[in-house]
PDB file of N, CA and C in Angstrom:
ATOM      1  N   MET A   1    -127.551 -58.571  26.501  1.00  0.00           N
ATOM      2  CA  MET A   1    -129.013 -58.818  26.038  1.00  0.00           C
ATOM      3  C   MET A   1    -130.241 -58.988  27.455  1.00  0.00           C
ATOM      4  N   GLY A   2    -130.664 -57.791  27.760  1.00  0.00           N
ATOM      5  CA  GLY A   2    -131.641 -58.081  28.984  1.00  0.00           C
ATOM      6  C   GLY A   2    -133.077 -59.125  28.907  1.00  0.00           C
ATOM      7  N   HIS A   3    -133.246 -59.936  29.767  1.00  0.00           N
ATOM      8  CA  HIS A   3    -134.318 -60.831  29.432  1.00  0.00           C
ATOM      9  C   HIS A   3    -135.231 -60.613  31.306  1.00  0.00           C
ATOM     10  N   TYR A   4    -136.276 -59.746  30.550  1.00  0.00           N
ATOM     11  CA  TYR A   4    -137.321 -58.738  31.547  1.00  0.00           C
ATOM     12  C   TYR A   4    -137.493 -59.977  32.664  1.00  0.00           C
ATOM     13  N   ARG A   5    -138.571 -61.167  31.901  1.00  0.00           N
ATOM     14  CA  ARG A   5    -138.909 -61.681  33.142  1.00  0.00           C
ATOM     15  C   ARG A   5    -138.226 -62.769  34.045  1.00  0.00           C
ATOM     16  N   ALA A   6    -137.363 -63.580  32.884  1.00  0.00           N
ATOM     17  CA  ALA A   6    -136.348 -64.420  33.245  1.00  0.00           C
ATOM     18  C   ALA A   6    -135.566 -63.995  33.901  1.00  0.00           C
ATOM     19  N   ARG A   7    -135.442 -62.304  34.199  1.00  0.00           N
ATOM     20  CA  ARG A   7    -134.833 -61.912  35.657  1.00  0.00           C
ATOM     21  C   ARG A   7    -132.630 -62.021  34.903  1.00  0.00           C
ATOM     22  N   LYS A   8    -132.166 -62.106  33.352  1.00  0.00           N
ATOM     23  CA  LYS A   8    -131.235 -62.307  33.380  1.00  0.00           C
ATOM     24  C   LYS A   8    -130.689 -61.513  32.238  1.00  0.00           C
ATOM     25  N   ILE A   9    -129.788 -61.639  31.881  1.00  0.00           N
ATOM     26  CA  ILE A   9    -128.530 -60.875  31.177  1.00  0.00           C
ATOM     27  C   ILE A   9    -127.837 -61.982  30.360  1.00  0.00           C
ATOM     28  N   HIS A  10    -128.036 -62.057  29.097  1.00  0.00           N
ATOM     29  CA  HIS A  10    -127.598 -62.971  28.177  1.00  0.00           C
ATOM     30  C   HIS A  10    -126.218 -62.023  27.702  1.00  0.00           C
ATOM     31  N   GLN A  11    -125.338 -63.447  27.216  1.00  0.00           N
ATOM     32  CA  GLN A  11    -124.273 -62.268  26.555  1.00  0.00           C
ATOM     33  C   GLN A  11    -124.172 -63.450  25.048  1.00  0.00           C
ATOM     34  N   ILE A  12    -124.679 -62.700  23.937  1.00  0.00           N
ATOM     35  CA  ILE A  12    -125.127 -63.713  22.637  1.00  0.00           C
ATOM     36  C   ILE A  12    -123.791 -63.331  21.818  1.00  0.00           C
ATOM     37  N   ASP A  13    -124.012 -64.095  21.288  1.00  0.00           N
ATOM     38  CA  ASP A  13    -122.667 -64.573  19.793  1.00  0.00           C
ATOM     39  C   ASP A  13    -123.468 -63.463  18.758  1.00  0.00           C
ATOM     40  N   PRO A  14    -122.650 -62.558  18.154  1.00  0.00           N
ATOM     41  CA  PRO A  14    -123.451 -61.868  17.235  1.00  0.00           C
ATOM     42  C   PRO A  14    -123.683 -62.386  16.242  1.00  0.00           C
ATOM     43  N   GLU A  15    -122.787 -63.411  15.738  1.00  0.00           N
ATOM     44  CA  GLU A  15    -122.836 -64.186  14.310  1.00  0.00           C
ATOM     45  C   GLU A  15    -123.870 -65.439  14.050  1.00  0.00           C
ATOM     46  N   THR A  16    -123.744 -65.864  15.129  1.00  0.00           N
ATOM     47  CA  THR A  16    -124.816 -67.146  15.135  1.00  0.00           C
ATOM     48  C   THR A  16    -126.191 -66.839  15.974  1.00  0.00           C
ATOM     49  N   GLY A  17    -125.636 -65.770  16.993  1.00  0.00           N
ATOM     50  CA  GLY A  17    -127.577 -65.544  17.967  1.00  0.00           C
ATOM     51  C   GLY A  17    -127.513 -66.504  19.243  1.00  0.00           C
ATOM     52  N   LYS A  18    -126.387 -67.554  18.964  1.00  0.00           N
ATOM     53  CA  LYS A  18    -126.380 -68.373  20.384  1.00  0.00           C
ATOM     54  C   LYS A  18    -125.846 -67.678  21.623  1.00  0.00           C
ATOM     55  N   ILE A  19    -126.751 -67.562  22.503  1.00  0.00           N
ATOM     56  CA  ILE A  19    -126.646 -67.423  23.942  1.00  0.00           C
ATOM     57  C   ILE A  19    -125.243 -67.997  24.535  1.00  0.00           C
ATOM     58  N   LEU A  20    -124.188 -67.133  24.661  1.00  0.00           N
ATOM     59  CA  LEU A  20    -122.704 -67.816  24.771  1.00  0.00           C
ATOM     60  C   LEU A  20    -123.042 -68.410  26.444  1.00  0.00           C
ATOM     61  N   ARG A  21    -123.484 -67.177  27.372  1.00  0.00           N
ATOM     62  CA  ARG A  21    -123.285 -67.604  28.956  1.00  0.00           C
ATOM     63  C   ARG A  21    -124.735 -66.249  29.429  1.00  0.00           C
ATOM     64  N   SER A  22    -125.155 -66.529  30.687  1.00  0.00           N
ATOM     65  CA  SER A  22    -126.185 -66.208  31.409  1.00  0.00           C
ATOM     66  C   SER A  22    -125.530 -65.545  32.401  1.00  0.00           C
ATOM     67  N   ILE A  23    -126.160 -64.341  32.852  1.00  0.00           N
ATOM     68  CA  ILE A  23    -126.162 -64.088  34.331  1.00  0.00           C
ATOM     69  C   ILE A  23    -127.496 -63.634  34.948  1.00  0.00           C
ATOM     70  N   THR A  24    -127.758 -64.057  36.157  1.00  0.00           N
ATOM     71  CA  THR A  24    -129.117 -64.479  37.113  1.00  0.00           C
ATOM     72  C   THR A  24    -128.945 -63.245  37.984  1.00  0.00           C
ATOM     73  N   SER A  25    -130.112 -62.546  37.658  1.00  0.00           N
ATOM     74  CA  SER A  25    -130.172 -60.969  38.697  1.00  0.00           C
ATOM     75  C   SER A  25    -131.453 -61.231  40.131  1.00  0.00           C
ATOM     76  N   GLU A  26    -131.358 -60.629  40.880  1.00  0.00           N
ATOM     77  CA  GLU A  26    -133.277 -60.959  41.752  1.00  0.00           C
ATOM     78  C   GLU A  26    -134.080 -60.082  40.855  1.00  0.00           C
ATOM     79  N   ARG A  27    -133.509 -59.082  40.519  1.00  0.00           N
ATOM     80  CA  ARG A  27    -134.964 -57.950  40.171  1.00  0.00           C
ATOM     81  C   ARG A  27    -134.994 -58.308  38.274  1.00  0.00           C
ATOM     82  N   PHE A  28    -135.798 -57.817  37.929  1.00  0.00           N
ATOM     83  CA  PHE A  28    -136.429 -57.708  36.590  1.00  0.00           C
ATOM     84  C   PHE A  28    -135.311 -57.051  35.612  1.00  0.00           C
ATOM     85  N   VAL A  29    -134.866 -57.267  34.949  1.00  0.00           N
ATOM     86  CA  VAL A  29    -133.413 -56.414  33.915  1.00  0.00           C
ATOM     87  C   VAL A  29    -134.817 -55.272  32.866  1.00  0.00           C
ATOM     88  N   THR A  30    -134.248 -54.121  33.044  1.00  0.00           N
ATOM     89  CA  THR A  30    -135.251 -53.367  32.029  1.00  0.00           C
ATOM     90  C   THR A  30    -133.866 -52.888  31.222  1.00  0.00           C
ATOM     91  N   GLY A  31    -133.050 -53.081  31.380  1.00  0.00           N
ATOM     92  CA  GLY A  31    -132.153 -52.583  30.307  1.00  0.00           C
ATOM     93  C   GLY A  31    -130.557 -53.345  30.361  1.00  0.00           C
ATOM     94  N   VAL A  32    -129.966 -53.095  29.941  1.00  0.00           N
ATOM     95  CA  VAL A  32    -128.346 -53.822  29.796  1.00  0.00           C
ATOM     96  C   VAL A  32    -127.494 -52.789  28.994  1.00  0.00           C
ATOM     97  N   THR A  33    -126.342 -51.961  29.083  1.00  0.00           N
ATOM     98  CA  THR A  33    -125.073 -51.233  28.358  1.00  0.00           C
ATOM     99  C   THR A  33    -123.910 -51.581  29.237  1.00  0.00           C
ATOM    100  N   TRP A  34    -122.871 -51.232  28.109  1.00  0.00           N
ATOM    101  CA  TRP A  34    -121.437 -51.520  28.362  1.00  0.00           C
ATOM    102  C   TRP A  34    -121.004 -50.012  28.607  1.00  0.00           C
ATOM    103  N   VAL A  35    -119.938 -49.353  29.262  1.00  0.00           N
ATOM    104  CA  VAL A  35    -119.251 -48.084  29.533  1.00  0.00           C
ATOM    105  C   VAL A  35    -117.968 -48.299  30.073  1.00  0.00           C
ATOM    106  N   ASP A  36    -117.157 -47.915  29.512  1.00  0.00           N
ATOM    107  CA  ASP A  36    -115.536 -48.084  29.579  1.00  0.00           C
ATOM    108  C   ASP A  36    -115.132 -49.626  30.568  1.00  0.00           C
ATOM    109  N   GLY A  37    -115.981 -50.794  30.150  1.00  0.00           N
ATOM    110  CA  GLY A  37    -115.354 -52.023  30.120  1.00  0.00           C
ATOM    111  C   GLY A  37    -116.187 -52.534  31.816  1.00  0.00           C
ATOM    112  N   GLU A  38    -117.287 -51.437  32.236  1.00  0.00           N
ATOM    113  CA  GLU A  38    -118.279 -51.444  32.643  1.00  0.00           C
ATOM    114  C   GLU A  38    -119.838 -52.579  32.261  1.00  0.00           C
ATOM    115  N   LEU A  39    -120.226 -53.277  33.060  1.00  0.00           N
ATOM    116  CA  LEU A  39    -121.298 -53.754  32.582  1.00  0.00           C
ATOM    117  C   LEU A  39    -122.497 -52.941  33.581  1.00  0.00           C
ATOM    118  N   TRP A  40    -123.240 -52.529  33.149  1.00  0.00           N
ATOM    119  CA  TRP A  40    -124.609 -51.482  33.638  1.00  0.00           C
ATOM    120  C   TRP A  40    -125.977 -52.515  33.699  1.00  0.00           C
ATOM    121  N   HIS A  41    -126.765 -52.782  34.264  1.00  0.00           N
ATOM    122  CA  HIS A  41    -127.879 -53.045  33.660  1.00  0.00           C
ATOM    123  C   HIS A  41    -129.445 -52.141  35.151  1.00  0.00           C
ATOM    124  N   GLY A  42    -130.867 -51.845  34.293  1.00  0.00           N
ATOM    125  CA  GLY A  42    -131.285 -50.530  34.851  1.00  0.00           C
ATOM    126  C   GLY A  42    -132.007 -52.295  35.630  1.00  0.00           C
ATOM    127  N   THR A  43    -133.089 -52.175  36.823  1.00  0.00           N
ATOM    128  CA  THR A  43    -134.115 -53.145  37.456  1.00  0.00           C
ATOM    129  C   THR A  43    -135.349 -51.926  37.352  1.00  0.00           C
ATOM    130  N   TRP A  44    -136.321 -52.787  37.341  1.00  0.00           N
ATOM    131  CA  TRP A  44    -137.292 -52.180  37.436  1.00  0.00           C
ATOM    132  C   TRP A  44    -138.625 -53.033  37.931  1.00  0.00           C
ATOM    133  N   GLU A  45    -139.368 -52.850  39.462  1.00  0.00           N
ATOM    134  CA  GLU A  45    -139.834 -54.016  40.089  1.00  0.00           C
ATOM    135  C   GLU A  45    -141.005 -53.360  40.865  1.00  0.00           C
ATOM    136  N   GLY A  46    -142.078 -53.624  41.046  1.00  0.00           N
ATOM    137  CA  GLY A  46    -143.083 -52.539  42.334  1.00  0.00           C
ATOM    138  C   GLY A  46    -142.810 -51.225  42.420  1.00  0.00           C
ATOM    139  N   ASP A  47    -142.714 -50.626  43.569  1.00  0.00           N
ATOM    140  CA  ASP A  47    -142.493 -49.326  42.910  1.00  0.00           C
ATOM    141  C   ASP A  47    -140.629 -49.149  42.730  1.00  0.00           C
ATOM    142  N   ALA A  48    -140.367 -49.651  42.716  1.00  0.00           N
ATOM    143  CA  ALA A  48    -138.660 -49.367  43.033  1.00  0.00           C
ATOM    144  C   ALA A  48    -137.880 -49.815  41.571  1.00  0.00           C
ATOM    145  N   SER A  49    -137.016 -48.666  41.733  1.00  0.00           N
ATOM    146  CA  SER A  49    -135.744 -49.470  40.470  1.00  0.00           C
ATOM    147  C   SER A  49    -134.697 -48.585  40.856  1.00  0.00           C
ATOM    148  N   ASP A  50    -133.345 -49.332  40.107  1.00  0.00           N
ATOM    149  CA  ASP A  50    -132.049 -48.510  40.126  1.00  0.00           C
ATOM    150  C   ASP A  50    -131.364 -49.122  38.921  1.00  0.00           C
ATOM    151  N   LEU A  51    -130.037 -48.607  39.276  1.00  0.00           N
ATOM    152  CA  LEU A  51    -128.835 -49.005  37.926  1.00  0.00           C
ATOM    153  C   LEU A  51    -128.044 -49.988  38.790  1.00  0.00           C
ATOM    154  N   ARG A  52    -127.798 -50.755  37.751  1.00  0.00           N
ATOM    155  CA  ARG A  52    -126.880 -51.455  38.828  1.00  0.00           C
ATOM    156  C   ARG A  52    -125.578 -51.304  37.749  1.00  0.00           C
ATOM    157  N   ARG A  53    -124.022 -51.882  38.983  1.00  0.00           N
ATOM    158  CA  ARG A  53    -123.043 -51.948  37.935  1.00  0.00           C
ATOM    159  C   ARG A  53    -122.684 -53.024  38.396  1.00  0.00           C
ATOM    160  N   ILE A  54    -122.598 -54.372  37.869  1.00  0.00           N
ATOM    161  CA  ILE A  54    -122.306 -55.583  37.930  1.00  0.00           C
ATOM    162  C   ILE A  54    -121.074 -56.509  37.432  1.00  0.00           C
ATOM    163  N   ASP A  55    -120.676 -57.093  38.075  1.00  0.00           N
ATOM    164  CA  ASP A  55    -119.235 -58.278  37.488  1.00  0.00           C
ATOM    165  C   ASP A  55    -119.647 -58.734  36.624  1.00  0.00           C
ATOM    166  N   ALA A  56    -119.433 -58.762  35.249  1.00  0.00           N
ATOM    167  CA  ALA A  56    -119.688 -59.618  33.943  1.00  0.00           C
ATOM    168  C   ALA A  56    -119.160 -60.992  34.676  1.00  0.00           C
ATOM    169  N   ARG A  57    -118.594 -61.319  35.251  1.00  0.00           N
ATOM    170  CA  ARG A  57    -118.389 -62.770  35.206  1.00  0.00           C
ATOM    171  C   ARG A  57    -119.286 -63.377  36.405  1.00  0.00           C
ATOM    172  N   SER A  58    -119.303 -62.882  37.289  1.00  0.00           N
ATOM    173  CA  SER A  58    -120.130 -63.637  38.636  1.00  0.00           C
ATOM    174  C   SER A  58    -121.890 -63.328  38.499  1.00  0.00           C
ATOM    175  N   GLY A  59    -121.854 -61.843  37.727  1.00  0.00           N
ATOM    176  CA  GLY A  59    -123.072 -61.106  38.347  1.00  0.00           C
ATOM    177  C   GLY A  59    -123.182 -60.340  40.042  1.00  0.00           C
ATOM    178  N   GLU A  60    -122.194 -60.675  40.792  1.00  0.00           N
ATOM    179  CA  GLU A  60    -122.088 -59.618  41.873  1.00  0.00           C
ATOM    180  C   GLU A  60    -122.456 -58.289  41.279  1.00  0.00           C
ATOM    181  N   VAL A  61    -123.640 -57.899  42.498  1.00  0.00           N
ATOM    182  CA  VAL A  61    -123.522 -55.982  42.326  1.00  0.00           C
ATOM    183  C   VAL A  61    -122.618 -55.562  43.298  1.00  0.00           C
ATOM    184  N   LEU A  62    -121.618 -54.653  42.181  1.00  0.00           N
ATOM    185  CA  LEU A  62    -120.784 -53.908  42.541  1.00  0.00           C
ATOM    186  C   LEU A  62    -120.992 -52.473  43.003  1.00  0.00           C
ATOM    187  N   ALA A  63    -122.180 -51.660  42.434  1.00  0.00           N
ATOM    188  CA  ALA A  63    -122.518 -50.440  43.156  1.00  0.00           C
ATOM    189  C   ALA A  63    -123.904 -50.477  41.990  1.00  0.00           C
ATOM    190  N   LYS A  64    -124.698 -49.174  43.111  1.00  0.00           N
ATOM    191  CA  LYS A  64    -125.933 -49.403  42.815  1.00  0.00           C
ATOM    192  C   LYS A  64    -126.594 -47.978  43.158  1.00  0.00           C
ATOM    193  N   LEU A  65    -127.181 -47.403  42.130  1.00  0.00           N
ATOM    194  CA  LEU A  65    -127.818 -45.778  42.038  1.00  0.00           C
ATOM    195  C   LEU A  65    -129.579 -46.428  42.092  1.00  0.00           C
ATOM    196  N   GLU A  66    -130.007 -45.798  43.200  1.00  0.00           N
ATOM    197  CA  GLU A  66    -131.348 -45.978  43.287  1.00  0.00           C
ATOM    198  C   GLU A  66    -131.886 -44.814  43.122  1.00  0.00           C
ATOM    199  N   MET A  67    -133.331 -44.937  42.159  1.00  0.00           N
ATOM    200  CA  MET A  67    -134.075 -44.173  41.713  1.00  0.00           C
ATOM    201  C   MET A  67    -134.999 -43.752  42.766  1.00  0.00           C
ATOM    202  N   PRO A  68    -135.819 -42.532  42.646  1.00  0.00           N
ATOM    203  CA  PRO A  68    -136.564 -42.055  43.758  1.00  0.00           C
ATOM    204  C   PRO A  68    -137.866 -43.183  43.820  1.00  0.00           C
ATOM    205  N   PRO A  69    -138.358 -43.329  45.021  1.00  0.00           N
ATOM    206  CA  PRO A  69    -139.597 -44.168  45.144  1.00  0.00           C
ATOM    207  C   PRO A  69    -140.368 -43.793  43.826  1.00  0.00           C
ATOM    208  N   GLY A  70    -141.230 -44.623  43.038  1.00  0.00           N
ATOM    209  CA  GLY A  70    -142.135 -44.364  42.127  1.00  0.00           C
ATOM    210  C   GLY A  70    -141.613 -44.164  40.509  1.00  0.00           C
ATOM    211  N   THR A  71    -140.188 -43.857  40.478  1.00  0.00           N
ATOM    212  CA  THR A  71    -139.841 -43.984  39.311  1.00  0.00           C
ATOM    213  C   THR A  71    -139.134 -45.167  38.761  1.00  0.00           C
ATOM    214  N   GLY A  72    -139.922 -44.967  37.343  1.00  0.00           N
ATOM    215  CA  GLY A  72    -139.346 -46.804  36.867  1.00  0.00           C
ATOM    216  C   GLY A  72    -138.234 -46.832  35.592  1.00  0.00           C
ATOM    217  N   VAL A  73    -137.871 -47.707  35.745  1.00  0.00           N
ATOM    218  CA  VAL A  73    -136.908 -47.590  34.294  1.00  0.00           C
ATOM    219  C   VAL A  73    -136.803 -48.493  33.497  1.00  0.00           C
ATOM    220  N   SER A  74    -136.937 -48.288  32.335  1.00  0.00           N
ATOM    221  CA  SER A  74    -137.138 -48.454  31.832  1.00  0.00           C
ATOM    222  C   SER A  74    -135.795 -48.587  30.372  1.00  0.00           C
ATOM    223  N   GLY A  75    -135.510 -49.383  29.913  1.00  0.00           N
ATOM    224  CA  GLY A  75    -134.094 -49.295  28.799  1.00  0.00           C
ATOM    225  C   GLY A  75    -132.658 -48.545  29.606  1.00  0.00           C
ATOM    226  N   LEU A  76    -131.766 -48.885  29.357  1.00  0.00           N
ATOM    227  CA  LEU A  76    -130.746 -47.991  29.426  1.00  0.00           C
ATOM    228  C   LEU A  76    -129.482 -48.197  28.577  1.00  0.00           C
ATOM    229  N   GLU A  77    -129.362 -46.775  28.407  1.00  0.00           N
ATOM    230  CA  GLU A  77    -127.954 -46.665  27.512  1.00  0.00           C
ATOM    231  C   GLU A  77    -126.863 -45.248  27.563  1.00  0.00           C
ATOM    232  N   SER A  78    -125.587 -45.326  27.380  1.00  0.00           N
ATOM    233  CA  SER A  78    -124.861 -44.704  28.075  1.00  0.00           C
ATOM    234  C   SER A  78    -124.475 -43.991  27.145  1.00  0.00           C
ATOM    235  N   ASP A  79    -123.960 -42.457  27.025  1.00  0.00           N
ATOM    236  CA  ASP A  79    -123.590 -41.524  25.901  1.00  0.00           C
ATOM    237  C   ASP A  79    -121.619 -41.906  26.323  1.00  0.00           C
ATOM    238  N   GLY A  80    -121.301 -42.912  26.623  1.00  0.00           N
ATOM    239  CA  GLY A  80    -119.838 -43.345  26.462  1.00  0.00           C
ATOM    240  C   GLY A  80    -118.968 -42.622  27.536  1.00  0.00           C
ATOM    241  N   ALA A  81    -120.003 -41.823  28.163  1.00  0.00           N
ATOM    242  CA  ALA A  81    -118.851 -41.025  29.069  1.00  0.00           C
ATOM    243  C   ALA A  81    -119.292 -40.502  30.498  1.00  0.00           C
ATOM    244  N   ASP A  82    -119.957 -39.680  31.180  1.00  0.00           N
ATOM    245  CA  ASP A  82    -120.277 -40.020  32.544  1.00  0.00           C
ATOM    246  C   ASP A  82    -122.321 -39.579  32.587  1.00  0.00           C
ATOM    247  N   ARG A  83    -122.605 -40.142  31.628  1.00  0.00           N
ATOM    248  CA  ARG A  83    -124.033 -40.389  31.790  1.00  0.00           C
ATOM    249  C   ARG A  83    -124.948 -41.566  31.120  1.00  0.00           C
ATOM    250  N   PHE A  84    -126.047 -42.089  31.443  1.00  0.00           N
ATOM    251  CA  PHE A  84    -126.786 -42.647  31.696  1.00  0.00           C
ATOM    252  C   PHE A  84    -128.130 -41.761  30.836  1.00  0.00           C
ATOM    253  N   PHE A  85    -128.469 -42.779  30.158  1.00  0.00           N
ATOM    254  CA  PHE A  85    -130.656 -41.972  29.616  1.00  0.00           C
ATOM    255  C   PHE A  85    -131.319 -43.287  29.881  1.00  0.00           C
ATOM    256  N   CYS A  86    -132.053 -43.389  30.445  1.00  0.00           N
ATOM    257  CA  CYS A  86    -133.202 -44.559  30.751  1.00  0.00           C
ATOM    258  C   CYS A  86    -134.884 -43.520  30.611  1.00  0.00           C
ATOM    259  N   GLY A  87    -135.321 -44.927  30.068  1.00  0.00           N
ATOM    260  CA  GLY A  87    -137.201 -44.280  29.840  1.00  0.00           C
ATOM    261  C   GLY A  87    -137.800 -44.261  31.278  1.00  0.00           C
ATOM    262  N   GLY A  88    -139.026 -43.858  31.286  1.00  0.00           N
ATOM    263  CA  GLY A  88    -139.562 -44.206  32.253  1.00  0.00           C
ATOM    264  C   GLY A  88    -141.054 -44.710  32.297  1.00  0.00           C
ATOM    265  N   GLY A  89    -140.835 -45.833  31.511  1.00  0.00           N
ATOM    266  CA  GLY A  89    -142.044 -46.680  30.950  1.00  0.00           C
ATOM    267  C   GLY A  89    -142.802 -45.885  31.011  1.00  0.00           C
ATOM    268  N   THR A  90    -144.296 -46.062  31.292  1.00  0.00           N
ATOM    269  CA  THR A  90    -145.319 -45.480  30.506  1.00  0.00           C
ATOM    270  C   THR A  90    -145.805 -44.191  30.343  1.00  0.00           C
ATOM    271  N   SER A  91    -144.544 -42.944  31.640  1.00  0.00           N
ATOM    272  CA  SER A  91    -144.685 -41.745  31.607  1.00  0.00           C
ATOM    273  C   SER A  91    -144.064 -41.264  30.332  1.00  0.00           C
ATOM    274  N   GLY A  92    -143.526 -41.749  29.204  1.00  0.00           N
ATOM    275  CA  GLY A  92    -142.900 -40.709  28.643  1.00  0.00           C
ATOM    276  C   GLY A  92    -141.519 -40.379  28.821  1.00  0.00           C
ATOM    277  N   THR A  93    -141.498 -39.888  29.960  1.00  0.00           N
ATOM    278  CA  THR A  93    -140.049 -39.472  30.429  1.00  0.00           C
ATOM    279  C   THR A  93    -138.452 -39.947  29.961  1.00  0.00           C
ATOM    280  N   LEU A  94    -137.515 -39.373  29.583  1.00  0.00           N
ATOM    281  CA  LEU A  94    -136.697 -39.845  29.390  1.00  0.00           C
ATOM    282  C   LEU A  94    -135.580 -38.988  30.361  1.00  0.00           C
ATOM    283  N   ARG A  95    -134.616 -39.797  31.515  1.00  0.00           N
ATOM    284  CA  ARG A  95    -133.826 -39.724  32.205  1.00  0.00           C
ATOM    285  C   ARG A  95    -132.710 -39.527  32.128  1.00  0.00           C
ATOM    286  N   SER A  96    -131.782 -38.590  32.451  1.00  0.00           N
ATOM    287  CA  SER A  96    -130.302 -38.898  32.686  1.00  0.00           C
ATOM    288  C   SER A  96    -129.539 -38.481  33.974  1.00  0.00           C
ATOM    289  N   VAL A  97    -128.880 -39.999  34.180  1.00  0.00           N
ATOM    290  CA  VAL A  97    -128.494 -39.854  35.183  1.00  0.00           C
ATOM    291  C   VAL A  97    -127.066 -39.527  35.253  1.00  0.00           C
ATOM    292  N   ARG A  98    -126.441 -39.110  35.855  1.00  0.00           N
ATOM    293  CA  ARG A  98    -125.161 -39.311  36.263  1.00  0.00           C
ATOM    294  C   ARG A  98    -124.252 -40.418  36.698  1.00  0.00           C
ATOM    295  N   ARG A  99    -123.700 -41.056  36.049  1.00  0.00           N
ATOM    296  CA  ARG A  99    -122.194 -42.590  36.365  1.00  0.00           C
ATOM    297  C   ARG A  99    -121.920 -42.091  37.542  1.00  0.00           C
ATOM    298  N   PRO A 100    -121.423 -42.693  38.609  1.00  0.00           N
ATOM    299  CA  PRO A 100    -120.736 -42.217  39.550  1.00  0.00           C
ATOM    300  C   PRO A 100    -118.809 -42.646  39.490  1.00  0.00           C
ATOM    301  N   ALA A 101    -118.089 -41.347  39.151  1.00  0.00           N
ATOM    302  CA  ALA A 101    -116.620 -41.740  38.973  1.00  0.00           C
ATOM    303  C   ALA A 101    -116.278 -43.040  40.068  1.00  0.00           C
ATOM    304  N   ARG A 102    -115.251 -43.604  39.412  1.00  0.00           N
ATOM    305  CA  ARG A 102    -115.040 -44.841  40.061  1.00  0.00           C
ATOM    306  C   ARG A 102    -113.583 -44.658  41.145  1.00  0.00           C
ATOM    307  N   ALA A 103    -113.823 -45.445  42.387  1.00  0.00           N
ATOM    308  CA  ALA A 103    -112.937 -44.684  43.060  1.00  0.00           C
ATOM    309  C   ALA A 103    -111.341 -45.338  42.531  1.00  0.00           C
TER     310      ALA A 103
END
């Protein structure tokens, strides 16, 4: 679960709702998704947004897809294959972003 203003990603126990652990991001967290065992999250701050693949244990940024300036990312979901879908904030735009292949 992403906690936008706190800049955190929480792992939550689905049975109890208890926060099991948290990862801190240096940017606002606008969405979180898992795909192929990878943790990705969206960011949006000021005029800049990106999608980040992060290490689920340490929070280290492993890959970053920067969006064009002025492109907000709100929400993030995967199709389970090679596409992400993210909202565009107040623009009403839904974006499809190709997930990069891992080397």
